[in-house]
Amino acid sequence: MIDIRAGLRSRLLDNAGLSALVGGSRVYSIRLPQNIVAPSIVFASSSGQGDHVMSGPSGLSRPRVQIDCWSQSPDIAARLSRYVKTQLDGFSGAVSALDETGTEAVAIVDGILFESEREDYDGESALFRSSLDFFVWYSDVEHGFFDVVTDTGFDLTTDGGDLIITG
């Protein structure tokens, strides 16, 4: 199974406005580090589904990813969520990933689809949160799309997160 968290993080930080608000680095996986009060983003898979064909796993995955935009200001949290939605909703293409051994790999994102959003306030951290849910459809290197491409004699390489197919 492929882990696409690095690719999602990179995709988010590619948005100049979002990157500026989070200081170019405050995009975290699963939890917000303690004592962080500057605008930040946390993303985590909240559920997921795989896909199978008669011969076994197809390599297509569809996790639901929750993205939380945190800030001391509700307006900044909302602005971050707009940047996130603009950057992810409807995206398809190659992203960096890690395989089961932690080796760099490529995942093909077939589509990122916005599903829902909500806002709240966390009294313990004194931070506002704007949350978005997306379905992320992607294929990994070992299954699906790549079986077809590699069987036709094409070479696959990546350059800055872009998939390059030559042959």
N, C-alpha and C. Protein backbone atom coordinates (compact mmCIF):
# COMPACT_ATOMS: atom_id res chain seq x y z
N MET A 1 0.85 -1.19 0.00
CA MET A 1 0.00 0.00 0.00
C MET A 1 0.89 1.24 0.00
N ILE A 2 0.48 2.21 -0.73
CA ILE A 2 1.23 3.45 -0.88
C ILE A 2 0.72 4.50 0.11
N ASP A 3 1.62 5.26 0.69
CA ASP A 3 1.29 6.36 1.59
C ASP A 3 1.48 7.67 0.82
N ILE A 4 0.39 8.40 0.58
CA ILE A 4 0.48 9.62 -0.24
C ILE A 4 0.52 10.90 0.60
N ARG A 5 0.73 10.79 1.89
CA ARG A 5 0.73 11.99 2.73
C ARG A 5 1.76 13.03 2.30
N ALA A 6 2.96 12.59 1.92
CA ALA A 6 4.00 13.54 1.47
C ALA A 6 3.53 14.29 0.23
N GLY A 7 2.85 13.58 -0.68
CA GLY A 7 2.36 14.21 -1.89
C GLY A 7 1.26 15.22 -1.61
N LEU A 8 0.37 14.90 -0.67
CA LEU A 8 -0.69 15.86 -0.30
C LEU A 8 -0.08 17.09 0.35
N ARG A 9 0.89 16.89 1.23
CA ARG A 9 1.56 18.02 1.88
C ARG A 9 2.23 18.93 0.85
N SER A 10 2.95 18.32 -0.09
CA SER A 10 3.61 19.10 -1.13
C SER A 10 2.60 19.85 -1.99
N ARG A 11 1.51 19.17 -2.32
CA ARG A 11 0.47 19.81 -3.14
C ARG A 11 -0.10 21.03 -2.41
N LEU A 12 -0.33 20.92 -1.12
CA LEU A 12 -0.85 22.06 -0.35
C LEU A 12 0.15 23.21 -0.32
N LEU A 13 1.41 22.90 -0.06
CA LEU A 13 2.43 23.95 0.06
C LEU A 13 2.78 24.58 -1.28
N ASP A 14 2.35 23.98 -2.39
CA ASP A 14 2.55 24.58 -3.71
C ASP A 14 1.71 25.84 -3.90
N ASN A 15 0.68 26.03 -3.07
CA ASN A 15 -0.16 27.22 -3.15
C ASN A 15 0.54 28.34 -2.37
N ALA A 16 0.93 29.41 -3.06
CA ALA A 16 1.72 30.48 -2.43
C ALA A 16 1.00 31.13 -1.26
N GLY A 17 -0.29 31.40 -1.39
CA GLY A 17 -1.04 32.03 -0.30
C GLY A 17 -1.11 31.14 0.93
N LEU A 18 -1.40 29.87 0.71
CA LEU A 18 -1.47 28.91 1.81
C LEU A 18 -0.10 28.77 2.46
N SER A 19 0.92 28.61 1.64
CA SER A 19 2.28 28.43 2.17
C SER A 19 2.71 29.63 3.02
N ALA A 20 2.37 30.84 2.57
CA ALA A 20 2.72 32.05 3.33
C ALA A 20 2.02 32.06 4.69
N LEU A 21 0.74 31.67 4.73
CA LEU A 21 -0.01 31.69 5.99
C LEU A 21 0.52 30.67 7.00
N VAL A 22 1.04 29.54 6.49
CA VAL A 22 1.54 28.50 7.41
C VAL A 22 3.06 28.54 7.53
N GLY A 23 3.66 29.66 7.16
CA GLY A 23 5.11 29.82 7.30
C GLY A 23 5.92 28.84 6.47
N GLY A 24 5.33 28.32 5.41
CA GLY A 24 6.04 27.41 4.52
C GLY A 24 6.25 26.01 5.05
N SER A 25 5.77 25.72 6.28
CA SER A 25 6.07 24.40 6.82
C SER A 25 5.02 23.82 7.77
N ARG A 26 4.10 24.62 8.29
CA ARG A 26 3.20 24.11 9.32
C ARG A 26 2.00 23.35 8.72
N VAL A 27 2.32 22.26 8.01
CA VAL A 27 1.33 21.31 7.50
C VAL A 27 1.72 19.96 8.08
N TYR A 28 0.87 19.41 8.95
CA TYR A 28 1.21 18.23 9.73
C TYR A 28 0.29 17.06 9.40
N SER A 29 0.81 15.88 9.62
CA SER A 29 0.03 14.67 9.45
C SER A 29 -0.49 14.21 10.81
N ILE A 30 -1.75 13.98 10.90
CA ILE A 30 -2.48 13.37 12.02
C ILE A 30 -2.74 14.29 13.21
N ARG A 31 -1.75 14.98 13.73
CA ARG A 31 -2.04 15.82 14.89
C ARG A 31 -1.23 17.12 14.86
N LEU A 32 -1.80 18.13 15.49
CA LEU A 32 -1.14 19.42 15.62
C LEU A 32 -0.15 19.33 16.78
N PRO A 33 1.11 19.66 16.58
CA PRO A 33 2.07 19.61 17.69
C PRO A 33 1.63 20.53 18.84
N GLN A 34 2.00 20.16 20.01
CA GLN A 34 1.65 20.93 21.21
C GLN A 34 2.23 22.34 21.15
N ASN A 35 1.49 23.30 21.64
CA ASN A 35 1.88 24.71 21.75
C ASN A 35 2.02 25.45 20.43
N ILE A 36 1.52 24.90 19.34
CA ILE A 36 1.50 25.60 18.06
C ILE A 36 0.24 26.46 18.02
N VAL A 37 0.42 27.76 17.89
CA VAL A 37 -0.75 28.65 17.83
C VAL A 37 -0.80 29.43 16.51
N ALA A 38 0.28 29.39 15.74
CA ALA A 38 0.29 30.06 14.45
C ALA A 38 -0.59 29.27 13.47
N PRO A 39 -1.10 29.91 12.44
CA PRO A 39 -1.95 29.19 11.47
C PRO A 39 -1.26 27.92 10.98
N SER A 40 -2.01 26.82 11.01
CA SER A 40 -1.45 25.50 10.69
C SER A 40 -2.52 24.63 10.05
N ILE A 41 -2.06 23.58 9.39
CA ILE A 41 -2.96 22.61 8.77
C ILE A 41 -2.58 21.22 9.27
N VAL A 42 -3.59 20.42 9.57
CA VAL A 42 -3.39 19.02 9.94
C VAL A 42 -4.29 18.18 9.04
N PHE A 43 -3.74 17.11 8.49
CA PHE A 43 -4.56 16.23 7.66
C PHE A 43 -4.40 14.79 8.12
N ALA A 44 -5.47 14.02 7.98
CA ALA A 44 -5.46 12.62 8.36
C ALA A 44 -6.53 11.88 7.58
N SER A 45 -6.26 10.63 7.33
CA SER A 45 -7.26 9.78 6.70
C SER A 45 -8.26 9.38 7.78
N SER A 46 -9.54 9.64 7.52
CA SER A 46 -10.56 9.31 8.52
C SER A 46 -11.26 8.00 8.20
N SER A 47 -11.12 7.50 7.00
CA SER A 47 -11.63 6.20 6.59
C SER A 47 -11.06 5.90 5.22
N GLY A 48 -11.23 4.68 4.76
CA GLY A 48 -10.71 4.37 3.44
C GLY A 48 -11.31 3.11 2.86
N GLN A 49 -11.25 3.03 1.56
CA GLN A 49 -11.72 1.84 0.85
C GLN A 49 -10.72 1.48 -0.22
N GLY A 50 -10.58 0.20 -0.45
CA GLY A 50 -9.78 -0.27 -1.56
C GLY A 50 -10.70 -0.72 -2.68
N ASP A 51 -10.11 -1.26 -3.72
CA ASP A 51 -10.88 -1.72 -4.87
C ASP A 51 -10.28 -3.05 -5.31
N HIS A 52 -11.13 -3.96 -5.71
CA HIS A 52 -10.67 -5.28 -6.14
C HIS A 52 -11.25 -5.65 -7.49
N VAL A 53 -10.50 -6.47 -8.20
CA VAL A 53 -10.96 -7.10 -9.43
C VAL A 53 -10.89 -8.61 -9.18
N MET A 54 -11.31 -9.40 -10.14
CA MET A 54 -11.37 -10.86 -9.94
C MET A 54 -10.02 -11.44 -9.54
N SER A 55 -8.92 -10.87 -10.04
CA SER A 55 -7.59 -11.43 -9.75
C SER A 55 -6.99 -10.90 -8.44
N GLY A 56 -7.66 -9.96 -7.77
CA GLY A 56 -7.13 -9.45 -6.51
C GLY A 56 -7.24 -7.94 -6.43
N PRO A 57 -6.41 -7.31 -5.56
CA PRO A 57 -6.46 -5.85 -5.42
C PRO A 57 -6.12 -5.15 -6.74
N SER A 58 -6.89 -4.11 -7.05
CA SER A 58 -6.64 -3.36 -8.29
C SER A 58 -5.57 -2.30 -8.12
N GLY A 59 -5.28 -1.94 -6.88
CA GLY A 59 -4.32 -0.86 -6.62
C GLY A 59 -4.99 0.50 -6.49
N LEU A 60 -6.30 0.55 -6.69
CA LEU A 60 -7.05 1.80 -6.55
C LEU A 60 -7.51 1.94 -5.10
N SER A 61 -7.24 3.08 -4.49
CA SER A 61 -7.64 3.36 -3.12
C SER A 61 -8.49 4.62 -3.09
N ARG A 62 -9.37 4.70 -2.08
CA ARG A 62 -10.20 5.88 -1.93
C ARG A 62 -10.37 6.23 -0.45
N PRO A 63 -9.34 6.81 0.15
CA PRO A 63 -9.51 7.25 1.53
C PRO A 63 -10.28 8.57 1.60
N ARG A 64 -10.98 8.76 2.69
CA ARG A 64 -11.55 10.06 3.01
C ARG A 64 -10.50 10.76 3.85
N VAL A 65 -10.08 11.94 3.42
CA VAL A 65 -9.05 12.69 4.13
C VAL A 65 -9.68 13.92 4.74
N GLN A 66 -9.49 14.07 6.04
CA GLN A 66 -9.96 15.27 6.75
C GLN A 66 -8.80 16.23 6.87
N ILE A 67 -9.04 17.48 6.49
CA ILE A 67 -8.02 18.51 6.59
C ILE A 67 -8.55 19.60 7.52
N ASP A 68 -7.81 19.83 8.61
CA ASP A 68 -8.18 20.82 9.61
C ASP A 68 -7.28 22.03 9.49
N CYS A 69 -7.88 23.20 9.36
CA CYS A 69 -7.15 24.46 9.28
C CYS A 69 -7.31 25.17 10.62
N TRP A 70 -6.21 25.39 11.33
CA TRP A 70 -6.22 25.92 12.69
C TRP A 70 -5.67 27.35 12.72
N SER A 71 -6.28 28.19 13.55
CA SER A 71 -5.77 29.55 13.74
C SER A 71 -6.42 30.17 14.98
N GLN A 72 -5.76 31.20 15.51
CA GLN A 72 -6.36 31.96 16.61
C GLN A 72 -7.48 32.86 16.10
N SER A 73 -7.58 33.04 14.81
CA SER A 73 -8.60 33.87 14.18
C SER A 73 -9.52 33.00 13.32
N PRO A 74 -10.84 33.13 13.49
CA PRO A 74 -11.75 32.36 12.63
C PRO A 74 -11.62 32.77 11.16
N ASP A 75 -11.29 34.02 10.91
CA ASP A 75 -11.14 34.47 9.52
C ASP A 75 -9.93 33.83 8.84
N ILE A 76 -8.82 33.69 9.57
CA ILE A 76 -7.63 33.07 9.00
C ILE A 76 -7.87 31.57 8.77
N ALA A 77 -8.55 30.91 9.73
CA ALA A 77 -8.88 29.49 9.55
C ALA A 77 -9.75 29.31 8.31
N ALA A 78 -10.71 30.19 8.10
CA ALA A 78 -11.57 30.12 6.92
C ALA A 78 -10.78 30.40 5.64
N ARG A 79 -9.86 31.35 5.69
CA ARG A 79 -9.04 31.65 4.51
C ARG A 79 -8.17 30.45 4.15
N LEU A 80 -7.56 29.83 5.16
CA LEU A 80 -6.77 28.63 4.91
C LEU A 80 -7.61 27.54 4.25
N SER A 81 -8.83 27.36 4.75
CA SER A 81 -9.68 26.30 4.17
C SER A 81 -10.04 26.61 2.72
N ARG A 82 -10.20 27.89 2.37
CA ARG A 82 -10.46 28.24 0.97
C ARG A 82 -9.25 27.90 0.10
N TYR A 83 -8.05 28.19 0.60
CA TYR A 83 -6.84 27.84 -0.14
C TYR A 83 -6.75 26.31 -0.33
N VAL A 84 -7.03 25.57 0.72
CA VAL A 84 -6.98 24.11 0.65
C VAL A 84 -7.97 23.61 -0.40
N LYS A 85 -9.19 24.11 -0.34
CA LYS A 85 -10.21 23.67 -1.29
C LYS A 85 -9.81 23.99 -2.73
N THR A 86 -9.29 25.20 -2.95
CA THR A 86 -8.84 25.59 -4.28
C THR A 86 -7.70 24.70 -4.77
N GLN A 87 -6.79 24.36 -3.87
CA GLN A 87 -5.60 23.60 -4.26
C GLN A 87 -5.90 22.12 -4.50
N LEU A 88 -6.87 21.56 -3.79
CA LEU A 88 -7.09 20.11 -3.88
C LEU A 88 -8.32 19.71 -4.70
N ASP A 89 -9.41 20.42 -4.59
CA ASP A 89 -10.66 19.97 -5.22
C ASP A 89 -10.50 19.87 -6.74
N GLY A 90 -10.71 18.69 -7.26
CA GLY A 90 -10.61 18.46 -8.69
C GLY A 90 -9.22 18.10 -9.19
N PHE A 91 -8.22 18.10 -8.31
CA PHE A 91 -6.85 17.78 -8.74
C PHE A 91 -6.75 16.33 -9.21
N SER A 92 -5.99 16.11 -10.26
CA SER A 92 -5.56 14.77 -10.66
C SER A 92 -4.15 14.89 -11.21
N GLY A 93 -3.35 13.86 -11.01
CA GLY A 93 -1.97 13.87 -11.49
C GLY A 93 -1.08 13.04 -10.59
N ALA A 94 0.20 13.06 -10.85
CA ALA A 94 1.17 12.28 -10.08
C ALA A 94 1.59 13.05 -8.83
N VAL A 95 1.73 12.33 -7.73
CA VAL A 95 2.26 12.91 -6.49
C VAL A 95 3.30 11.97 -5.90
N SER A 96 4.19 12.53 -5.13
CA SER A 96 5.18 11.70 -4.45
C SER A 96 4.50 10.88 -3.37
N ALA A 97 5.08 9.73 -3.06
CA ALA A 97 4.50 8.83 -2.08
C ALA A 97 5.62 7.97 -1.49
N LEU A 98 5.26 7.16 -0.51
CA LEU A 98 6.18 6.20 0.08
C LEU A 98 5.54 4.82 0.01
N ASP A 99 6.35 3.79 -0.31
CA ASP A 99 5.81 2.44 -0.30
C ASP A 99 5.92 1.85 1.10
N GLU A 100 5.59 0.56 1.24
CA GLU A 100 5.57 -0.09 2.56
C GLU A 100 6.93 -0.06 3.25
N THR A 101 8.01 0.01 2.49
CA THR A 101 9.36 -0.01 3.07
C THR A 101 9.90 1.39 3.35
N GLY A 102 9.10 2.43 3.00
CA GLY A 102 9.55 3.79 3.18
C GLY A 102 10.34 4.33 2.00
N THR A 103 10.36 3.58 0.91
CA THR A 103 11.06 3.99 -0.31
C THR A 103 10.18 4.96 -1.09
N GLU A 104 10.83 5.98 -1.67
CA GLU A 104 10.07 6.96 -2.45
C GLU A 104 9.41 6.28 -3.64
N ALA A 105 8.16 6.64 -3.89
CA ALA A 105 7.38 6.06 -4.97
C ALA A 105 6.53 7.16 -5.60
N VAL A 106 5.72 6.79 -6.55
CA VAL A 106 4.81 7.71 -7.20
C VAL A 106 3.41 7.14 -7.12
N ALA A 107 2.46 7.98 -6.81
CA ALA A 107 1.04 7.59 -6.85
C ALA A 107 0.36 8.44 -7.90
N ILE A 108 -0.54 7.83 -8.62
CA ILE A 108 -1.35 8.56 -9.59
C ILE A 108 -2.67 8.91 -8.92
N VAL A 109 -2.92 10.20 -8.73
CA VAL A 109 -4.18 10.65 -8.16
C VAL A 109 -5.17 10.79 -9.31
N ASP A 110 -6.19 9.95 -9.28
CA ASP A 110 -7.22 9.97 -10.31
C ASP A 110 -8.18 11.12 -10.09
N GLY A 111 -8.32 11.55 -8.85
CA GLY A 111 -9.17 12.69 -8.55
C GLY A 111 -9.28 12.93 -7.06
N ILE A 112 -9.28 14.21 -6.68
CA ILE A 112 -9.56 14.60 -5.29
C ILE A 112 -10.87 15.34 -5.33
N LEU A 113 -11.84 14.84 -4.58
CA LEU A 113 -13.19 15.37 -4.64
C LEU A 113 -13.62 15.92 -3.28
N PHE A 114 -13.95 17.20 -3.24
CA PHE A 114 -14.43 17.84 -2.01
C PHE A 114 -15.76 17.22 -1.61
N GLU A 115 -15.94 16.96 -0.30
CA GLU A 115 -17.18 16.38 0.17
C GLU A 115 -17.94 17.27 1.14
N SER A 116 -17.29 17.77 2.19
CA SER A 116 -18.01 18.57 3.18
C SER A 116 -17.06 19.47 3.96
N GLU A 117 -17.64 20.43 4.70
CA GLU A 117 -16.84 21.31 5.55
C GLU A 117 -17.64 21.70 6.79
N ARG A 118 -16.92 22.11 7.81
CA ARG A 118 -17.55 22.55 9.06
C ARG A 118 -16.55 23.41 9.83
N GLU A 119 -17.05 24.19 10.76
CA GLU A 119 -16.20 25.06 11.58
C GLU A 119 -16.52 24.83 13.05
N ASP A 120 -15.50 25.01 13.89
CA ASP A 120 -15.74 24.96 15.33
C ASP A 120 -14.61 25.67 16.07
N TYR A 121 -14.70 25.65 17.38
CA TYR A 121 -13.71 26.29 18.24
C TYR A 121 -13.29 25.28 19.29
N ASP A 122 -11.98 25.16 19.50
CA ASP A 122 -11.45 24.27 20.51
C ASP A 122 -11.04 25.10 21.72
N GLY A 123 -11.81 25.01 22.79
CA GLY A 123 -11.56 25.81 23.98
C GLY A 123 -10.25 25.50 24.68
N GLU A 124 -9.83 24.25 24.63
CA GLU A 124 -8.59 23.85 25.30
C GLU A 124 -7.37 24.50 24.65
N SER A 125 -7.32 24.52 23.32
CA SER A 125 -6.18 25.12 22.63
C SER A 125 -6.41 26.59 22.30
N ALA A 126 -7.64 27.06 22.49
CA ALA A 126 -8.04 28.43 22.14
C ALA A 126 -7.81 28.72 20.65
N LEU A 127 -8.10 27.70 19.81
CA LEU A 127 -7.93 27.85 18.37
C LEU A 127 -9.25 27.58 17.64
N PHE A 128 -9.44 28.29 16.54
CA PHE A 128 -10.57 28.05 15.66
C PHE A 128 -10.14 27.01 14.63
N ARG A 129 -11.11 26.20 14.20
CA ARG A 129 -10.82 25.16 13.22
C ARG A 129 -11.86 25.18 12.11
N SER A 130 -11.36 25.12 10.90
CA SER A 130 -12.21 24.93 9.73
C SER A 130 -11.80 23.59 9.13
N SER A 131 -12.72 22.63 9.10
CA SER A 131 -12.42 21.28 8.64
C SER A 131 -13.05 21.01 7.29
N LEU A 132 -12.31 20.32 6.43
CA LEU A 132 -12.80 19.91 5.13
C LEU A 132 -12.57 18.42 4.96
N ASP A 133 -13.51 17.76 4.27
CA ASP A 133 -13.36 16.34 3.95
C ASP A 133 -13.26 16.19 2.44
N PHE A 134 -12.32 15.35 2.01
CA PHE A 134 -12.12 15.05 0.59
C PHE A 134 -12.05 13.54 0.41
N PHE A 135 -12.52 13.07 -0.74
CA PHE A 135 -12.24 11.70 -1.17
C PHE A 135 -11.07 11.79 -2.12
N VAL A 136 -10.03 10.97 -1.86
CA VAL A 136 -8.83 10.97 -2.69
C VAL A 136 -8.75 9.61 -3.39
N TRP A 137 -9.00 9.61 -4.70
CA TRP A 137 -8.88 8.39 -5.50
C TRP A 137 -7.47 8.33 -6.06
N TYR A 138 -6.73 7.25 -5.77
CA TYR A 138 -5.38 7.15 -6.31
C TYR A 138 -4.99 5.70 -6.56
N SER A 139 -4.03 5.55 -7.46
CA SER A 139 -3.47 4.24 -7.81
C SER A 139 -2.01 4.23 -7.40
N ASP A 140 -1.54 3.07 -6.98
CA ASP A 140 -0.13 3.01 -6.59
C ASP A 140 0.72 2.37 -7.69
N VAL A 141 2.02 2.42 -7.51
CA VAL A 141 2.98 1.96 -8.51
C VAL A 141 2.86 0.46 -8.77
N GLU A 142 2.48 -0.30 -7.77
CA GLU A 142 2.52 -1.75 -7.90
C GLU A 142 1.27 -2.34 -8.56
N HIS A 143 0.24 -1.55 -8.75
CA HIS A 143 -1.02 -2.09 -9.26
C HIS A 143 -1.61 -1.16 -10.32
N GLY A 144 -2.70 -1.61 -10.87
CA GLY A 144 -3.54 -0.75 -11.70
C GLY A 144 -2.81 -0.11 -12.86
N PHE A 145 -2.89 1.20 -12.95
CA PHE A 145 -2.38 2.00 -14.06
C PHE A 145 -0.95 1.63 -14.43
N PHE A 146 -0.09 1.49 -13.45
CA PHE A 146 1.31 1.27 -13.75
C PHE A 146 1.56 -0.09 -14.39
N ASP A 147 0.75 -1.11 -14.09
CA ASP A 147 0.91 -2.39 -14.76
C ASP A 147 0.75 -2.22 -16.26
N VAL A 148 -0.23 -1.46 -16.68
CA VAL A 148 -0.49 -1.23 -18.09
C VAL A 148 0.67 -0.46 -18.71
N VAL A 149 1.12 0.60 -18.06
CA VAL A 149 2.19 1.43 -18.62
C VAL A 149 3.49 0.66 -18.70
N THR A 150 3.89 -0.04 -17.64
CA THR A 150 5.18 -0.73 -17.66
C THR A 150 5.15 -1.91 -18.62
N ASP A 151 4.02 -2.55 -18.82
CA ASP A 151 3.94 -3.66 -19.76
C ASP A 151 4.05 -3.22 -21.21
N THR A 152 3.91 -1.94 -21.50
CA THR A 152 4.00 -1.47 -22.88
C THR A 152 5.41 -0.97 -23.20
N GLY A 153 6.36 -1.07 -22.27
CA GLY A 153 7.73 -0.70 -22.53
C GLY A 153 8.08 0.75 -22.28
N PHE A 154 7.22 1.51 -21.66
CA PHE A 154 7.51 2.90 -21.35
C PHE A 154 8.36 2.98 -20.09
N ASP A 155 9.19 4.02 -20.01
CA ASP A 155 9.98 4.28 -18.81
C ASP A 155 9.26 5.33 -17.99
N LEU A 156 9.20 5.13 -16.68
CA LEU A 156 8.55 6.07 -15.78
C LEU A 156 9.60 6.72 -14.91
N THR A 157 9.60 8.04 -14.86
CA THR A 157 10.48 8.78 -13.96
C THR A 157 9.69 9.93 -13.39
N THR A 158 10.21 10.54 -12.34
CA THR A 158 9.57 11.73 -11.77
C THR A 158 10.55 12.87 -11.78
N ASP A 159 10.03 14.08 -11.87
CA ASP A 159 10.84 15.28 -11.85
C ASP A 159 10.06 16.33 -11.09
N GLY A 160 10.43 16.58 -9.85
CA GLY A 160 9.73 17.58 -9.05
C GLY A 160 8.28 17.24 -8.83
N GLY A 161 7.93 15.93 -8.72
CA GLY A 161 6.57 15.54 -8.48
C GLY A 161 5.79 15.29 -9.76
N ASP A 162 6.34 15.64 -10.94
CA ASP A 162 5.67 15.40 -12.20
C ASP A 162 6.06 14.03 -12.72
N LEU A 163 5.08 13.31 -13.23
CA LEU A 163 5.34 12.00 -13.83
C LEU A 163 5.77 12.20 -15.27
N ILE A 164 6.88 11.57 -15.64
CA ILE A 164 7.39 11.66 -17.01
C ILE A 164 7.35 10.26 -17.60
N ILE A 165 6.63 10.10 -18.70
CA ILE A 165 6.52 8.82 -19.37
C ILE A 165 7.24 8.94 -20.70
N THR A 166 8.27 8.10 -20.89
CA THR A 166 9.01 8.12 -22.14
C THR A 166 9.08 6.71 -22.69
N GLY A 167 9.41 6.59 -23.94
CA GLY A 167 9.51 5.24 -24.48
C GLY A 167 9.62 5.21 -25.90
